[in-house]
Amino acid sequence: MRSESLEADQSSENEQAAPLRRISFKYRSGPAALRCLSDGLAYFASPSEFNDCLEAKFDHSSAADYIARMDRSIRDIAQQRGGTGGYTLPEHALASYEAKYTHENASFLEATQRVGIYSTASRPDNQPMWAYYCDNSKGFCFELEWSDTVLGRYQLAPVGVQYSSVARVHNRADIFDKLIREEAELHPDWSMPRILEETQTEFFKFRFNTMNTCRAASIKHSDWNHEHEVRFISPRAGPMPIMGQVLKRVYYVRTDFPEWGPVMTLLHQLYPNVELAELTFQHVEPYVVTQRIIKKLIPV
């Protein structure tokens, strides 16, 4: 999956040859930045560790709503192919189906609470983020580039956070609808039975479960929408030794705090290829100025 919030940093002349760059930004206080650079770890937190009391909180749709959504998806695609079909159950099967549905929902909820989430932003010049995640700009913003190699090796899924003020009722069949329509579009020559057969494959089920988990773990109240958050979700919470593989540039606004010097030293020692940039906020145009800083060794 690729989040639309990630920056597509790719020139048009190299559009065919250059791989897509997935760029996001992590705001860190001085102590947090120093610790992160020292150990090279990115910490993927569980939903219960976040400061949002509604993190990954939702209700499941009813079994009837789930069946209705599946039925509508299958009927639509069958009709597009000139046929008929749907997803219905006889009356005598509903009780056992609802028990199975309840069990699957419990497993889904458990998986959602078990994931690890690495929260990043879509830009480095968000002034409120500098204020409260960087201790009034006494910190740093890391520019991170997420290659396919890193995403695949650590099973990370980038997801743009959805912001909503309505009640969160998660119908897993919404993801089924998205995936089955993708299959239909990719294989216009497939019959409806062949498409339904594909939905029973392990790969389809893996995508179905992963996308549902990522969606449920990436919905926040609209009060948070100023953060424009991009999340990287792993199957498990915990630290990952990836900083040396993803860190590309470090931004700062102020230098008058204790960690600034030690961080500069660490960047030189452990991250010699990482760029350094100073941000300046102004009340007149240009409102944000970015100046690339060249690091030099000075004999003492």
Protein backbone atom coordinates (compact mmCIF):
# COMPACT_ATOMS: atom_id res chain seq x y z
CA MET A 1 0.00 0.00 0.00
CA ARG A 2 1.12 3.55 -0.68
CA SER A 3 -0.32 6.45 1.23
CA GLU A 4 -1.23 9.53 -0.77
CA SER A 5 0.19 11.63 2.06
CA LEU A 6 3.69 10.48 1.24
CA GLU A 7 5.68 12.79 -0.96
CA ALA A 8 6.30 11.59 -4.49
CA ASP A 9 9.74 13.12 -4.98
CA GLN A 10 10.45 12.26 -8.60
CA SER A 11 11.29 14.46 -11.56
CA SER A 12 9.17 14.13 -14.70
CA GLU A 13 12.15 13.50 -16.95
CA ASN A 14 13.12 10.47 -14.89
CA GLU A 15 9.55 9.36 -14.25
CA GLN A 16 9.96 6.01 -15.97
CA ALA A 17 13.35 5.13 -14.54
CA ALA A 18 13.46 6.56 -11.02
CA PRO A 19 11.69 4.67 -8.24
CA LEU A 20 9.05 6.47 -6.24
CA ARG A 21 10.44 8.10 -3.09
CA ARG A 22 8.31 7.76 0.02
CA ILE A 23 9.17 10.68 2.27
CA SER A 24 7.77 11.54 5.70
CA PHE A 25 8.92 13.55 8.72
CA LYS A 26 9.38 12.80 12.42
CA TYR A 27 9.41 15.63 14.99
CA ARG A 28 11.58 14.88 18.03
CA SER A 29 12.50 16.72 21.22
CA GLY A 30 16.19 17.16 21.94
CA PRO A 31 16.48 14.19 24.36
CA ALA A 32 14.36 11.94 22.12
CA ALA A 33 16.45 12.80 19.05
CA LEU A 34 19.69 12.15 20.90
CA ARG A 35 18.45 8.78 22.14
CA CYS A 36 17.10 7.79 18.73
CA LEU A 37 20.32 8.65 16.91
CA SER A 38 22.47 6.96 19.55
CA ASP A 39 20.74 3.59 19.37
CA GLY A 40 19.58 3.80 15.74
CA LEU A 41 16.10 2.63 16.69
CA ALA A 42 12.65 3.71 15.61
CA TYR A 43 10.04 2.81 18.20
CA PHE A 44 6.72 1.45 16.95
CA ALA A 45 4.25 2.09 19.76
CA SER A 46 1.14 0.09 20.54
CA PRO A 47 -2.20 1.97 20.37
CA SER A 48 -2.44 1.97 24.18
CA GLU A 49 0.78 4.03 24.43
CA PHE A 50 -0.52 7.03 22.46
CA ASN A 51 -1.78 10.27 23.96
CA ASP A 52 -5.12 9.97 22.16
CA CYS A 53 -7.66 8.29 24.44
CA LEU A 54 -9.62 7.17 21.37
CA GLU A 55 -6.67 5.52 19.65
CA ALA A 56 -7.82 2.44 17.68
CA LYS A 57 -11.22 2.55 19.41
CA PHE A 58 -14.19 1.45 17.29
CA ASP A 59 -17.30 -0.73 17.17
CA HIS A 60 -17.86 -3.64 14.81
CA SER A 61 -20.70 -3.56 12.32
CA SER A 62 -23.50 -6.04 12.78
CA ALA A 63 -23.39 -9.36 10.98
CA ALA A 64 -26.42 -8.23 8.95
CA ASP A 65 -24.59 -5.09 7.76
CA TYR A 66 -21.52 -7.17 6.91
CA ILE A 67 -23.61 -9.59 4.84
CA ALA A 68 -25.42 -6.74 3.10
CA ARG A 69 -22.12 -5.07 2.14
CA MET A 70 -20.71 -8.33 0.77
CA ASP A 71 -23.94 -8.96 -1.12
CA ARG A 72 -23.91 -5.52 -2.74
CA SER A 73 -20.27 -5.86 -3.82
CA ILE A 74 -20.72 -9.27 -5.43
CA ARG A 75 -24.00 -8.37 -7.10
CA ASP A 76 -22.53 -5.19 -8.61
CA ILE A 77 -19.59 -7.00 -10.16
CA ALA A 78 -21.74 -9.91 -11.36
CA GLN A 79 -24.09 -7.47 -13.08
CA GLN A 80 -21.15 -5.75 -14.77
CA ARG A 81 -20.33 -9.13 -16.31
CA GLY A 82 -23.88 -9.72 -17.42
CA GLY A 83 -24.68 -12.25 -14.73
CA THR A 84 -26.32 -12.55 -11.35
CA GLY A 85 -25.11 -13.47 -7.91
CA GLY A 86 -24.87 -12.27 -4.37
CA TYR A 87 -23.99 -13.11 -0.81
CA THR A 88 -27.01 -14.40 1.08
CA LEU A 89 -27.54 -16.99 3.78
CA PRO A 90 -30.53 -19.20 4.51
CA GLU A 91 -32.36 -18.49 7.74
CA HIS A 92 -31.15 -21.65 9.45
CA ALA A 93 -27.49 -20.69 8.90
CA LEU A 94 -27.65 -17.21 10.40
CA ALA A 95 -27.10 -18.22 14.04
CA SER A 96 -23.89 -20.15 13.33
CA TYR A 97 -22.72 -17.39 10.99
CA GLU A 98 -23.18 -14.73 13.65
CA ALA A 99 -21.17 -16.80 16.14
CA LYS A 100 -18.37 -17.14 13.57
CA TYR A 101 -18.57 -13.42 12.79
CA THR A 102 -18.28 -12.53 16.49
CA HIS A 103 -15.21 -14.76 16.82
CA GLU A 104 -13.56 -13.17 13.77
CA ASN A 105 -14.26 -9.70 15.12
CA ALA A 106 -12.58 -10.60 18.41
CA SER A 107 -9.49 -11.82 16.55
CA PHE A 108 -9.50 -8.68 14.42
CA LEU A 109 -9.72 -6.43 17.48
CA GLU A 110 -6.83 -8.28 19.13
CA ALA A 111 -4.67 -7.85 16.02
CA THR A 112 -5.50 -4.14 15.92
CA GLN A 113 -4.40 -3.63 19.53
CA ARG A 114 -1.20 -5.61 18.95
CA VAL A 115 0.20 -3.56 16.06
CA GLY A 116 3.10 -1.15 16.28
CA ILE A 117 2.60 2.39 14.97
CA TYR A 118 5.31 4.84 13.95
CA SER A 119 3.76 8.28 13.61
CA THR A 120 5.23 10.74 11.13
CA ALA A 121 4.14 13.95 9.43
CA SER A 122 3.78 14.94 5.79
CA ARG A 123 5.90 18.12 6.01
CA PRO A 124 8.80 19.50 8.08
CA ASP A 125 7.54 23.08 8.52
CA ASN A 126 4.41 22.61 10.63
CA GLN A 127 4.80 25.24 13.35
CA PRO A 128 2.47 23.61 15.94
CA MET A 129 4.43 20.36 15.58
CA TRP A 130 7.67 22.22 16.30
CA ALA A 131 5.97 23.78 19.33
CA TYR A 132 4.67 20.71 21.13
CA TYR A 133 6.63 17.76 19.75
CA CYS A 134 9.96 19.58 19.68
CA ASP A 135 9.61 21.44 22.99
CA ASN A 136 9.14 24.91 21.52
CA SER A 137 11.59 24.21 18.66
CA LYS A 138 14.29 22.91 21.00
CA GLY A 139 14.48 19.72 19.00
CA PHE A 140 14.74 18.35 15.48
CA CYS A 141 12.68 17.11 12.57
CA PHE A 142 13.94 13.97 10.81
CA GLU A 143 13.33 13.55 7.10
CA LEU A 144 12.82 9.84 6.47
CA GLU A 145 12.85 7.97 3.17
CA TRP A 146 11.07 4.61 3.20
CA SER A 147 12.38 2.32 0.48
CA ASP A 148 10.57 -0.79 -0.72
CA THR A 149 13.41 -2.80 0.80
CA VAL A 150 12.81 -1.41 4.29
CA LEU A 151 9.03 -1.69 4.02
CA GLY A 152 9.26 -5.29 2.87
CA ARG A 153 11.98 -6.43 5.27
CA TYR A 154 10.12 -5.16 8.34
CA GLN A 155 6.57 -5.74 7.01
CA LEU A 156 5.66 -2.07 7.30
CA ALA A 157 2.52 -0.58 5.77
CA PRO A 158 2.39 3.22 5.17
CA VAL A 159 -1.09 4.62 5.79
CA GLY A 160 -2.40 8.18 5.75
CA VAL A 161 -4.50 8.87 8.84
CA GLN A 162 -8.21 9.50 8.23
CA TYR A 163 -9.83 12.20 10.38
CA SER A 164 -13.49 11.94 11.27
CA SER A 165 -15.97 13.26 13.83
CA VAL A 166 -18.60 10.56 13.29
CA ALA A 167 -19.00 7.36 15.29
CA ARG A 168 -16.45 4.71 14.35
CA VAL A 169 -18.23 1.58 13.19
CA HIS A 170 -15.87 -0.68 11.30
CA ASN A 171 -17.35 -2.92 8.62
CA ARG A 172 -14.63 -5.24 7.40
CA ALA A 173 -16.62 -5.87 4.22
CA ASP A 174 -15.75 -2.34 3.05
CA ILE A 175 -12.22 -3.60 2.44
CA PHE A 176 -13.58 -6.69 0.70
CA ASP A 177 -15.44 -4.37 -1.66
CA LYS A 178 -12.26 -2.46 -2.46
CA LEU A 179 -10.24 -5.60 -3.10
CA ILE A 180 -12.80 -7.52 -5.16
CA ARG A 181 -13.31 -4.48 -7.39
CA GLU A 182 -9.54 -4.33 -7.90
CA GLU A 183 -9.56 -7.97 -8.98
CA ALA A 184 -12.43 -7.33 -11.38
CA GLU A 185 -10.62 -4.36 -12.92
CA LEU A 186 -7.33 -6.24 -13.23
CA HIS A 187 -8.98 -9.29 -14.82
CA PRO A 188 -11.84 -8.14 -17.07
CA ASP A 189 -11.91 -11.56 -18.75
CA TRP A 190 -12.48 -13.49 -15.51
CA SER A 191 -15.87 -14.99 -14.78
CA MET A 192 -17.62 -14.23 -11.50
CA PRO A 193 -16.87 -17.72 -10.12
CA ARG A 194 -13.18 -17.18 -10.97
CA ILE A 195 -13.14 -13.85 -9.13
CA LEU A 196 -14.80 -15.40 -6.10
CA GLU A 197 -12.26 -18.21 -6.21
CA GLU A 198 -9.49 -15.59 -6.01
CA THR A 199 -11.03 -14.15 -2.84
CA GLN A 200 -10.34 -17.47 -1.13
CA THR A 201 -6.58 -17.40 -1.77
CA GLU A 202 -4.14 -16.84 1.07
CA PHE A 203 -2.80 -13.69 -0.58
CA PHE A 204 -6.26 -12.12 -0.86
CA LYS A 205 -7.02 -12.99 2.77
CA PHE A 206 -3.67 -11.55 3.87
CA ARG A 207 -4.39 -8.26 2.12
CA PHE A 208 -7.93 -8.24 3.49
CA ASN A 209 -6.75 -8.67 7.08
CA THR A 210 -3.80 -6.27 6.75
CA MET A 211 -5.80 -3.46 5.18
CA ASN A 212 -8.59 -3.81 7.73
CA THR A 213 -6.09 -3.66 10.59
CA CYS A 214 -4.32 -0.63 9.14
CA ARG A 215 -7.60 1.16 8.55
CA ALA A 216 -8.89 0.54 12.07
CA ALA A 217 -5.57 1.70 13.55
CA SER A 218 -5.45 4.88 11.47
CA ILE A 219 -8.68 6.73 12.15
CA LYS A 220 -8.49 9.71 14.50
CA HIS A 221 -10.89 12.42 15.57
CA SER A 222 -10.98 15.57 13.45
CA ASP A 223 -9.47 17.54 16.35
CA TRP A 224 -6.12 16.05 15.29
CA ASN A 225 -6.30 16.80 11.58
CA HIS A 226 -3.78 19.66 11.79
CA GLU A 227 -1.06 17.01 12.18
CA HIS A 228 -1.58 15.52 8.68
CA GLU A 229 -0.20 12.27 10.06
CA VAL A 230 1.31 9.44 8.04
CA ARG A 231 1.64 6.17 9.92
CA PHE A 232 3.84 3.16 9.39
CA ILE A 233 2.23 0.08 10.85
CA SER A 234 4.01 -3.14 11.76
CA PRO A 235 2.44 -6.40 12.93
CA ARG A 236 4.04 -5.99 16.36
CA ALA A 237 4.94 -3.07 18.61
CA GLY A 238 8.54 -2.45 19.65
CA PRO A 239 11.85 -0.89 18.52
CA MET A 240 13.29 -1.48 15.04
CA PRO A 241 16.93 -0.84 14.03
CA ILE A 242 16.11 1.14 10.90
CA MET A 243 17.22 4.73 11.55
CA GLY A 244 20.45 4.32 9.61
CA GLN A 245 18.47 3.05 6.63
CA VAL A 246 15.76 5.72 6.49
CA LEU A 247 17.24 8.97 7.85
CA LYS A 248 18.10 11.36 5.00
CA ARG A 249 18.02 14.89 6.46
CA VAL A 250 17.78 16.60 9.87
CA TYR A 251 16.07 19.98 10.29
CA TYR A 252 16.48 22.35 13.23
CA VAL A 253 15.14 25.80 14.15
CA ARG A 254 17.09 26.68 17.32
CA THR A 255 20.56 25.85 18.59
CA ASP A 256 20.23 27.09 22.18
CA PHE A 257 19.45 23.81 23.91
CA PRO A 258 21.74 21.18 25.48
CA GLU A 259 21.23 18.39 22.93
CA TRP A 260 22.06 20.42 19.84
CA GLY A 261 25.84 19.94 20.04
CA PRO A 262 25.76 16.21 20.91
CA VAL A 263 23.30 15.58 18.08
CA MET A 264 25.61 17.33 15.62
CA THR A 265 28.46 15.13 16.85
CA LEU A 266 26.40 11.96 16.46
CA LEU A 267 25.34 12.93 12.95
CA HIS A 268 28.98 13.35 11.99
CA GLN A 269 30.08 10.10 13.60
CA LEU A 270 27.22 7.74 12.79
CA TYR A 271 25.32 9.37 9.93
CA PRO A 272 27.94 11.07 7.72
CA ASN A 273 25.72 11.07 4.62
CA VAL A 274 22.70 12.65 6.29
CA GLU A 275 22.05 16.24 5.25
CA LEU A 276 21.49 19.09 7.68
CA ALA A 277 19.11 22.02 7.18
CA GLU A 278 18.10 25.08 9.19
CA LEU A 279 14.48 26.26 9.13
CA THR A 280 13.53 29.89 9.72
CA PHE A 281 9.91 30.98 10.21
CA GLN A 282 9.01 34.56 9.24
CA HIS A 283 5.89 36.70 9.35
CA VAL A 284 6.53 37.99 5.81
CA GLU A 285 7.08 36.13 2.55
CA PRO A 286 8.78 33.78 2.23
CA TYR A 287 7.17 32.52 5.43
CA VAL A 288 9.54 29.57 5.70
CA VAL A 289 13.19 29.60 4.68
CA THR A 290 15.20 26.39 4.45
CA GLN A 291 18.97 26.69 4.35
CA ARG A 292 21.14 23.67 3.73
CA ILE A 293 24.03 23.50 6.19
CA ILE A 294 27.43 22.15 5.20
CA LYS A 295 29.19 20.26 7.99
CA LYS A 296 32.93 20.85 8.40
CA LEU A 297 35.53 19.58 10.84
CA ILE A 298 37.44 22.35 12.60
CA PRO A 299 40.74 21.46 14.27
CA VAL A 300 41.04 22.52 17.91
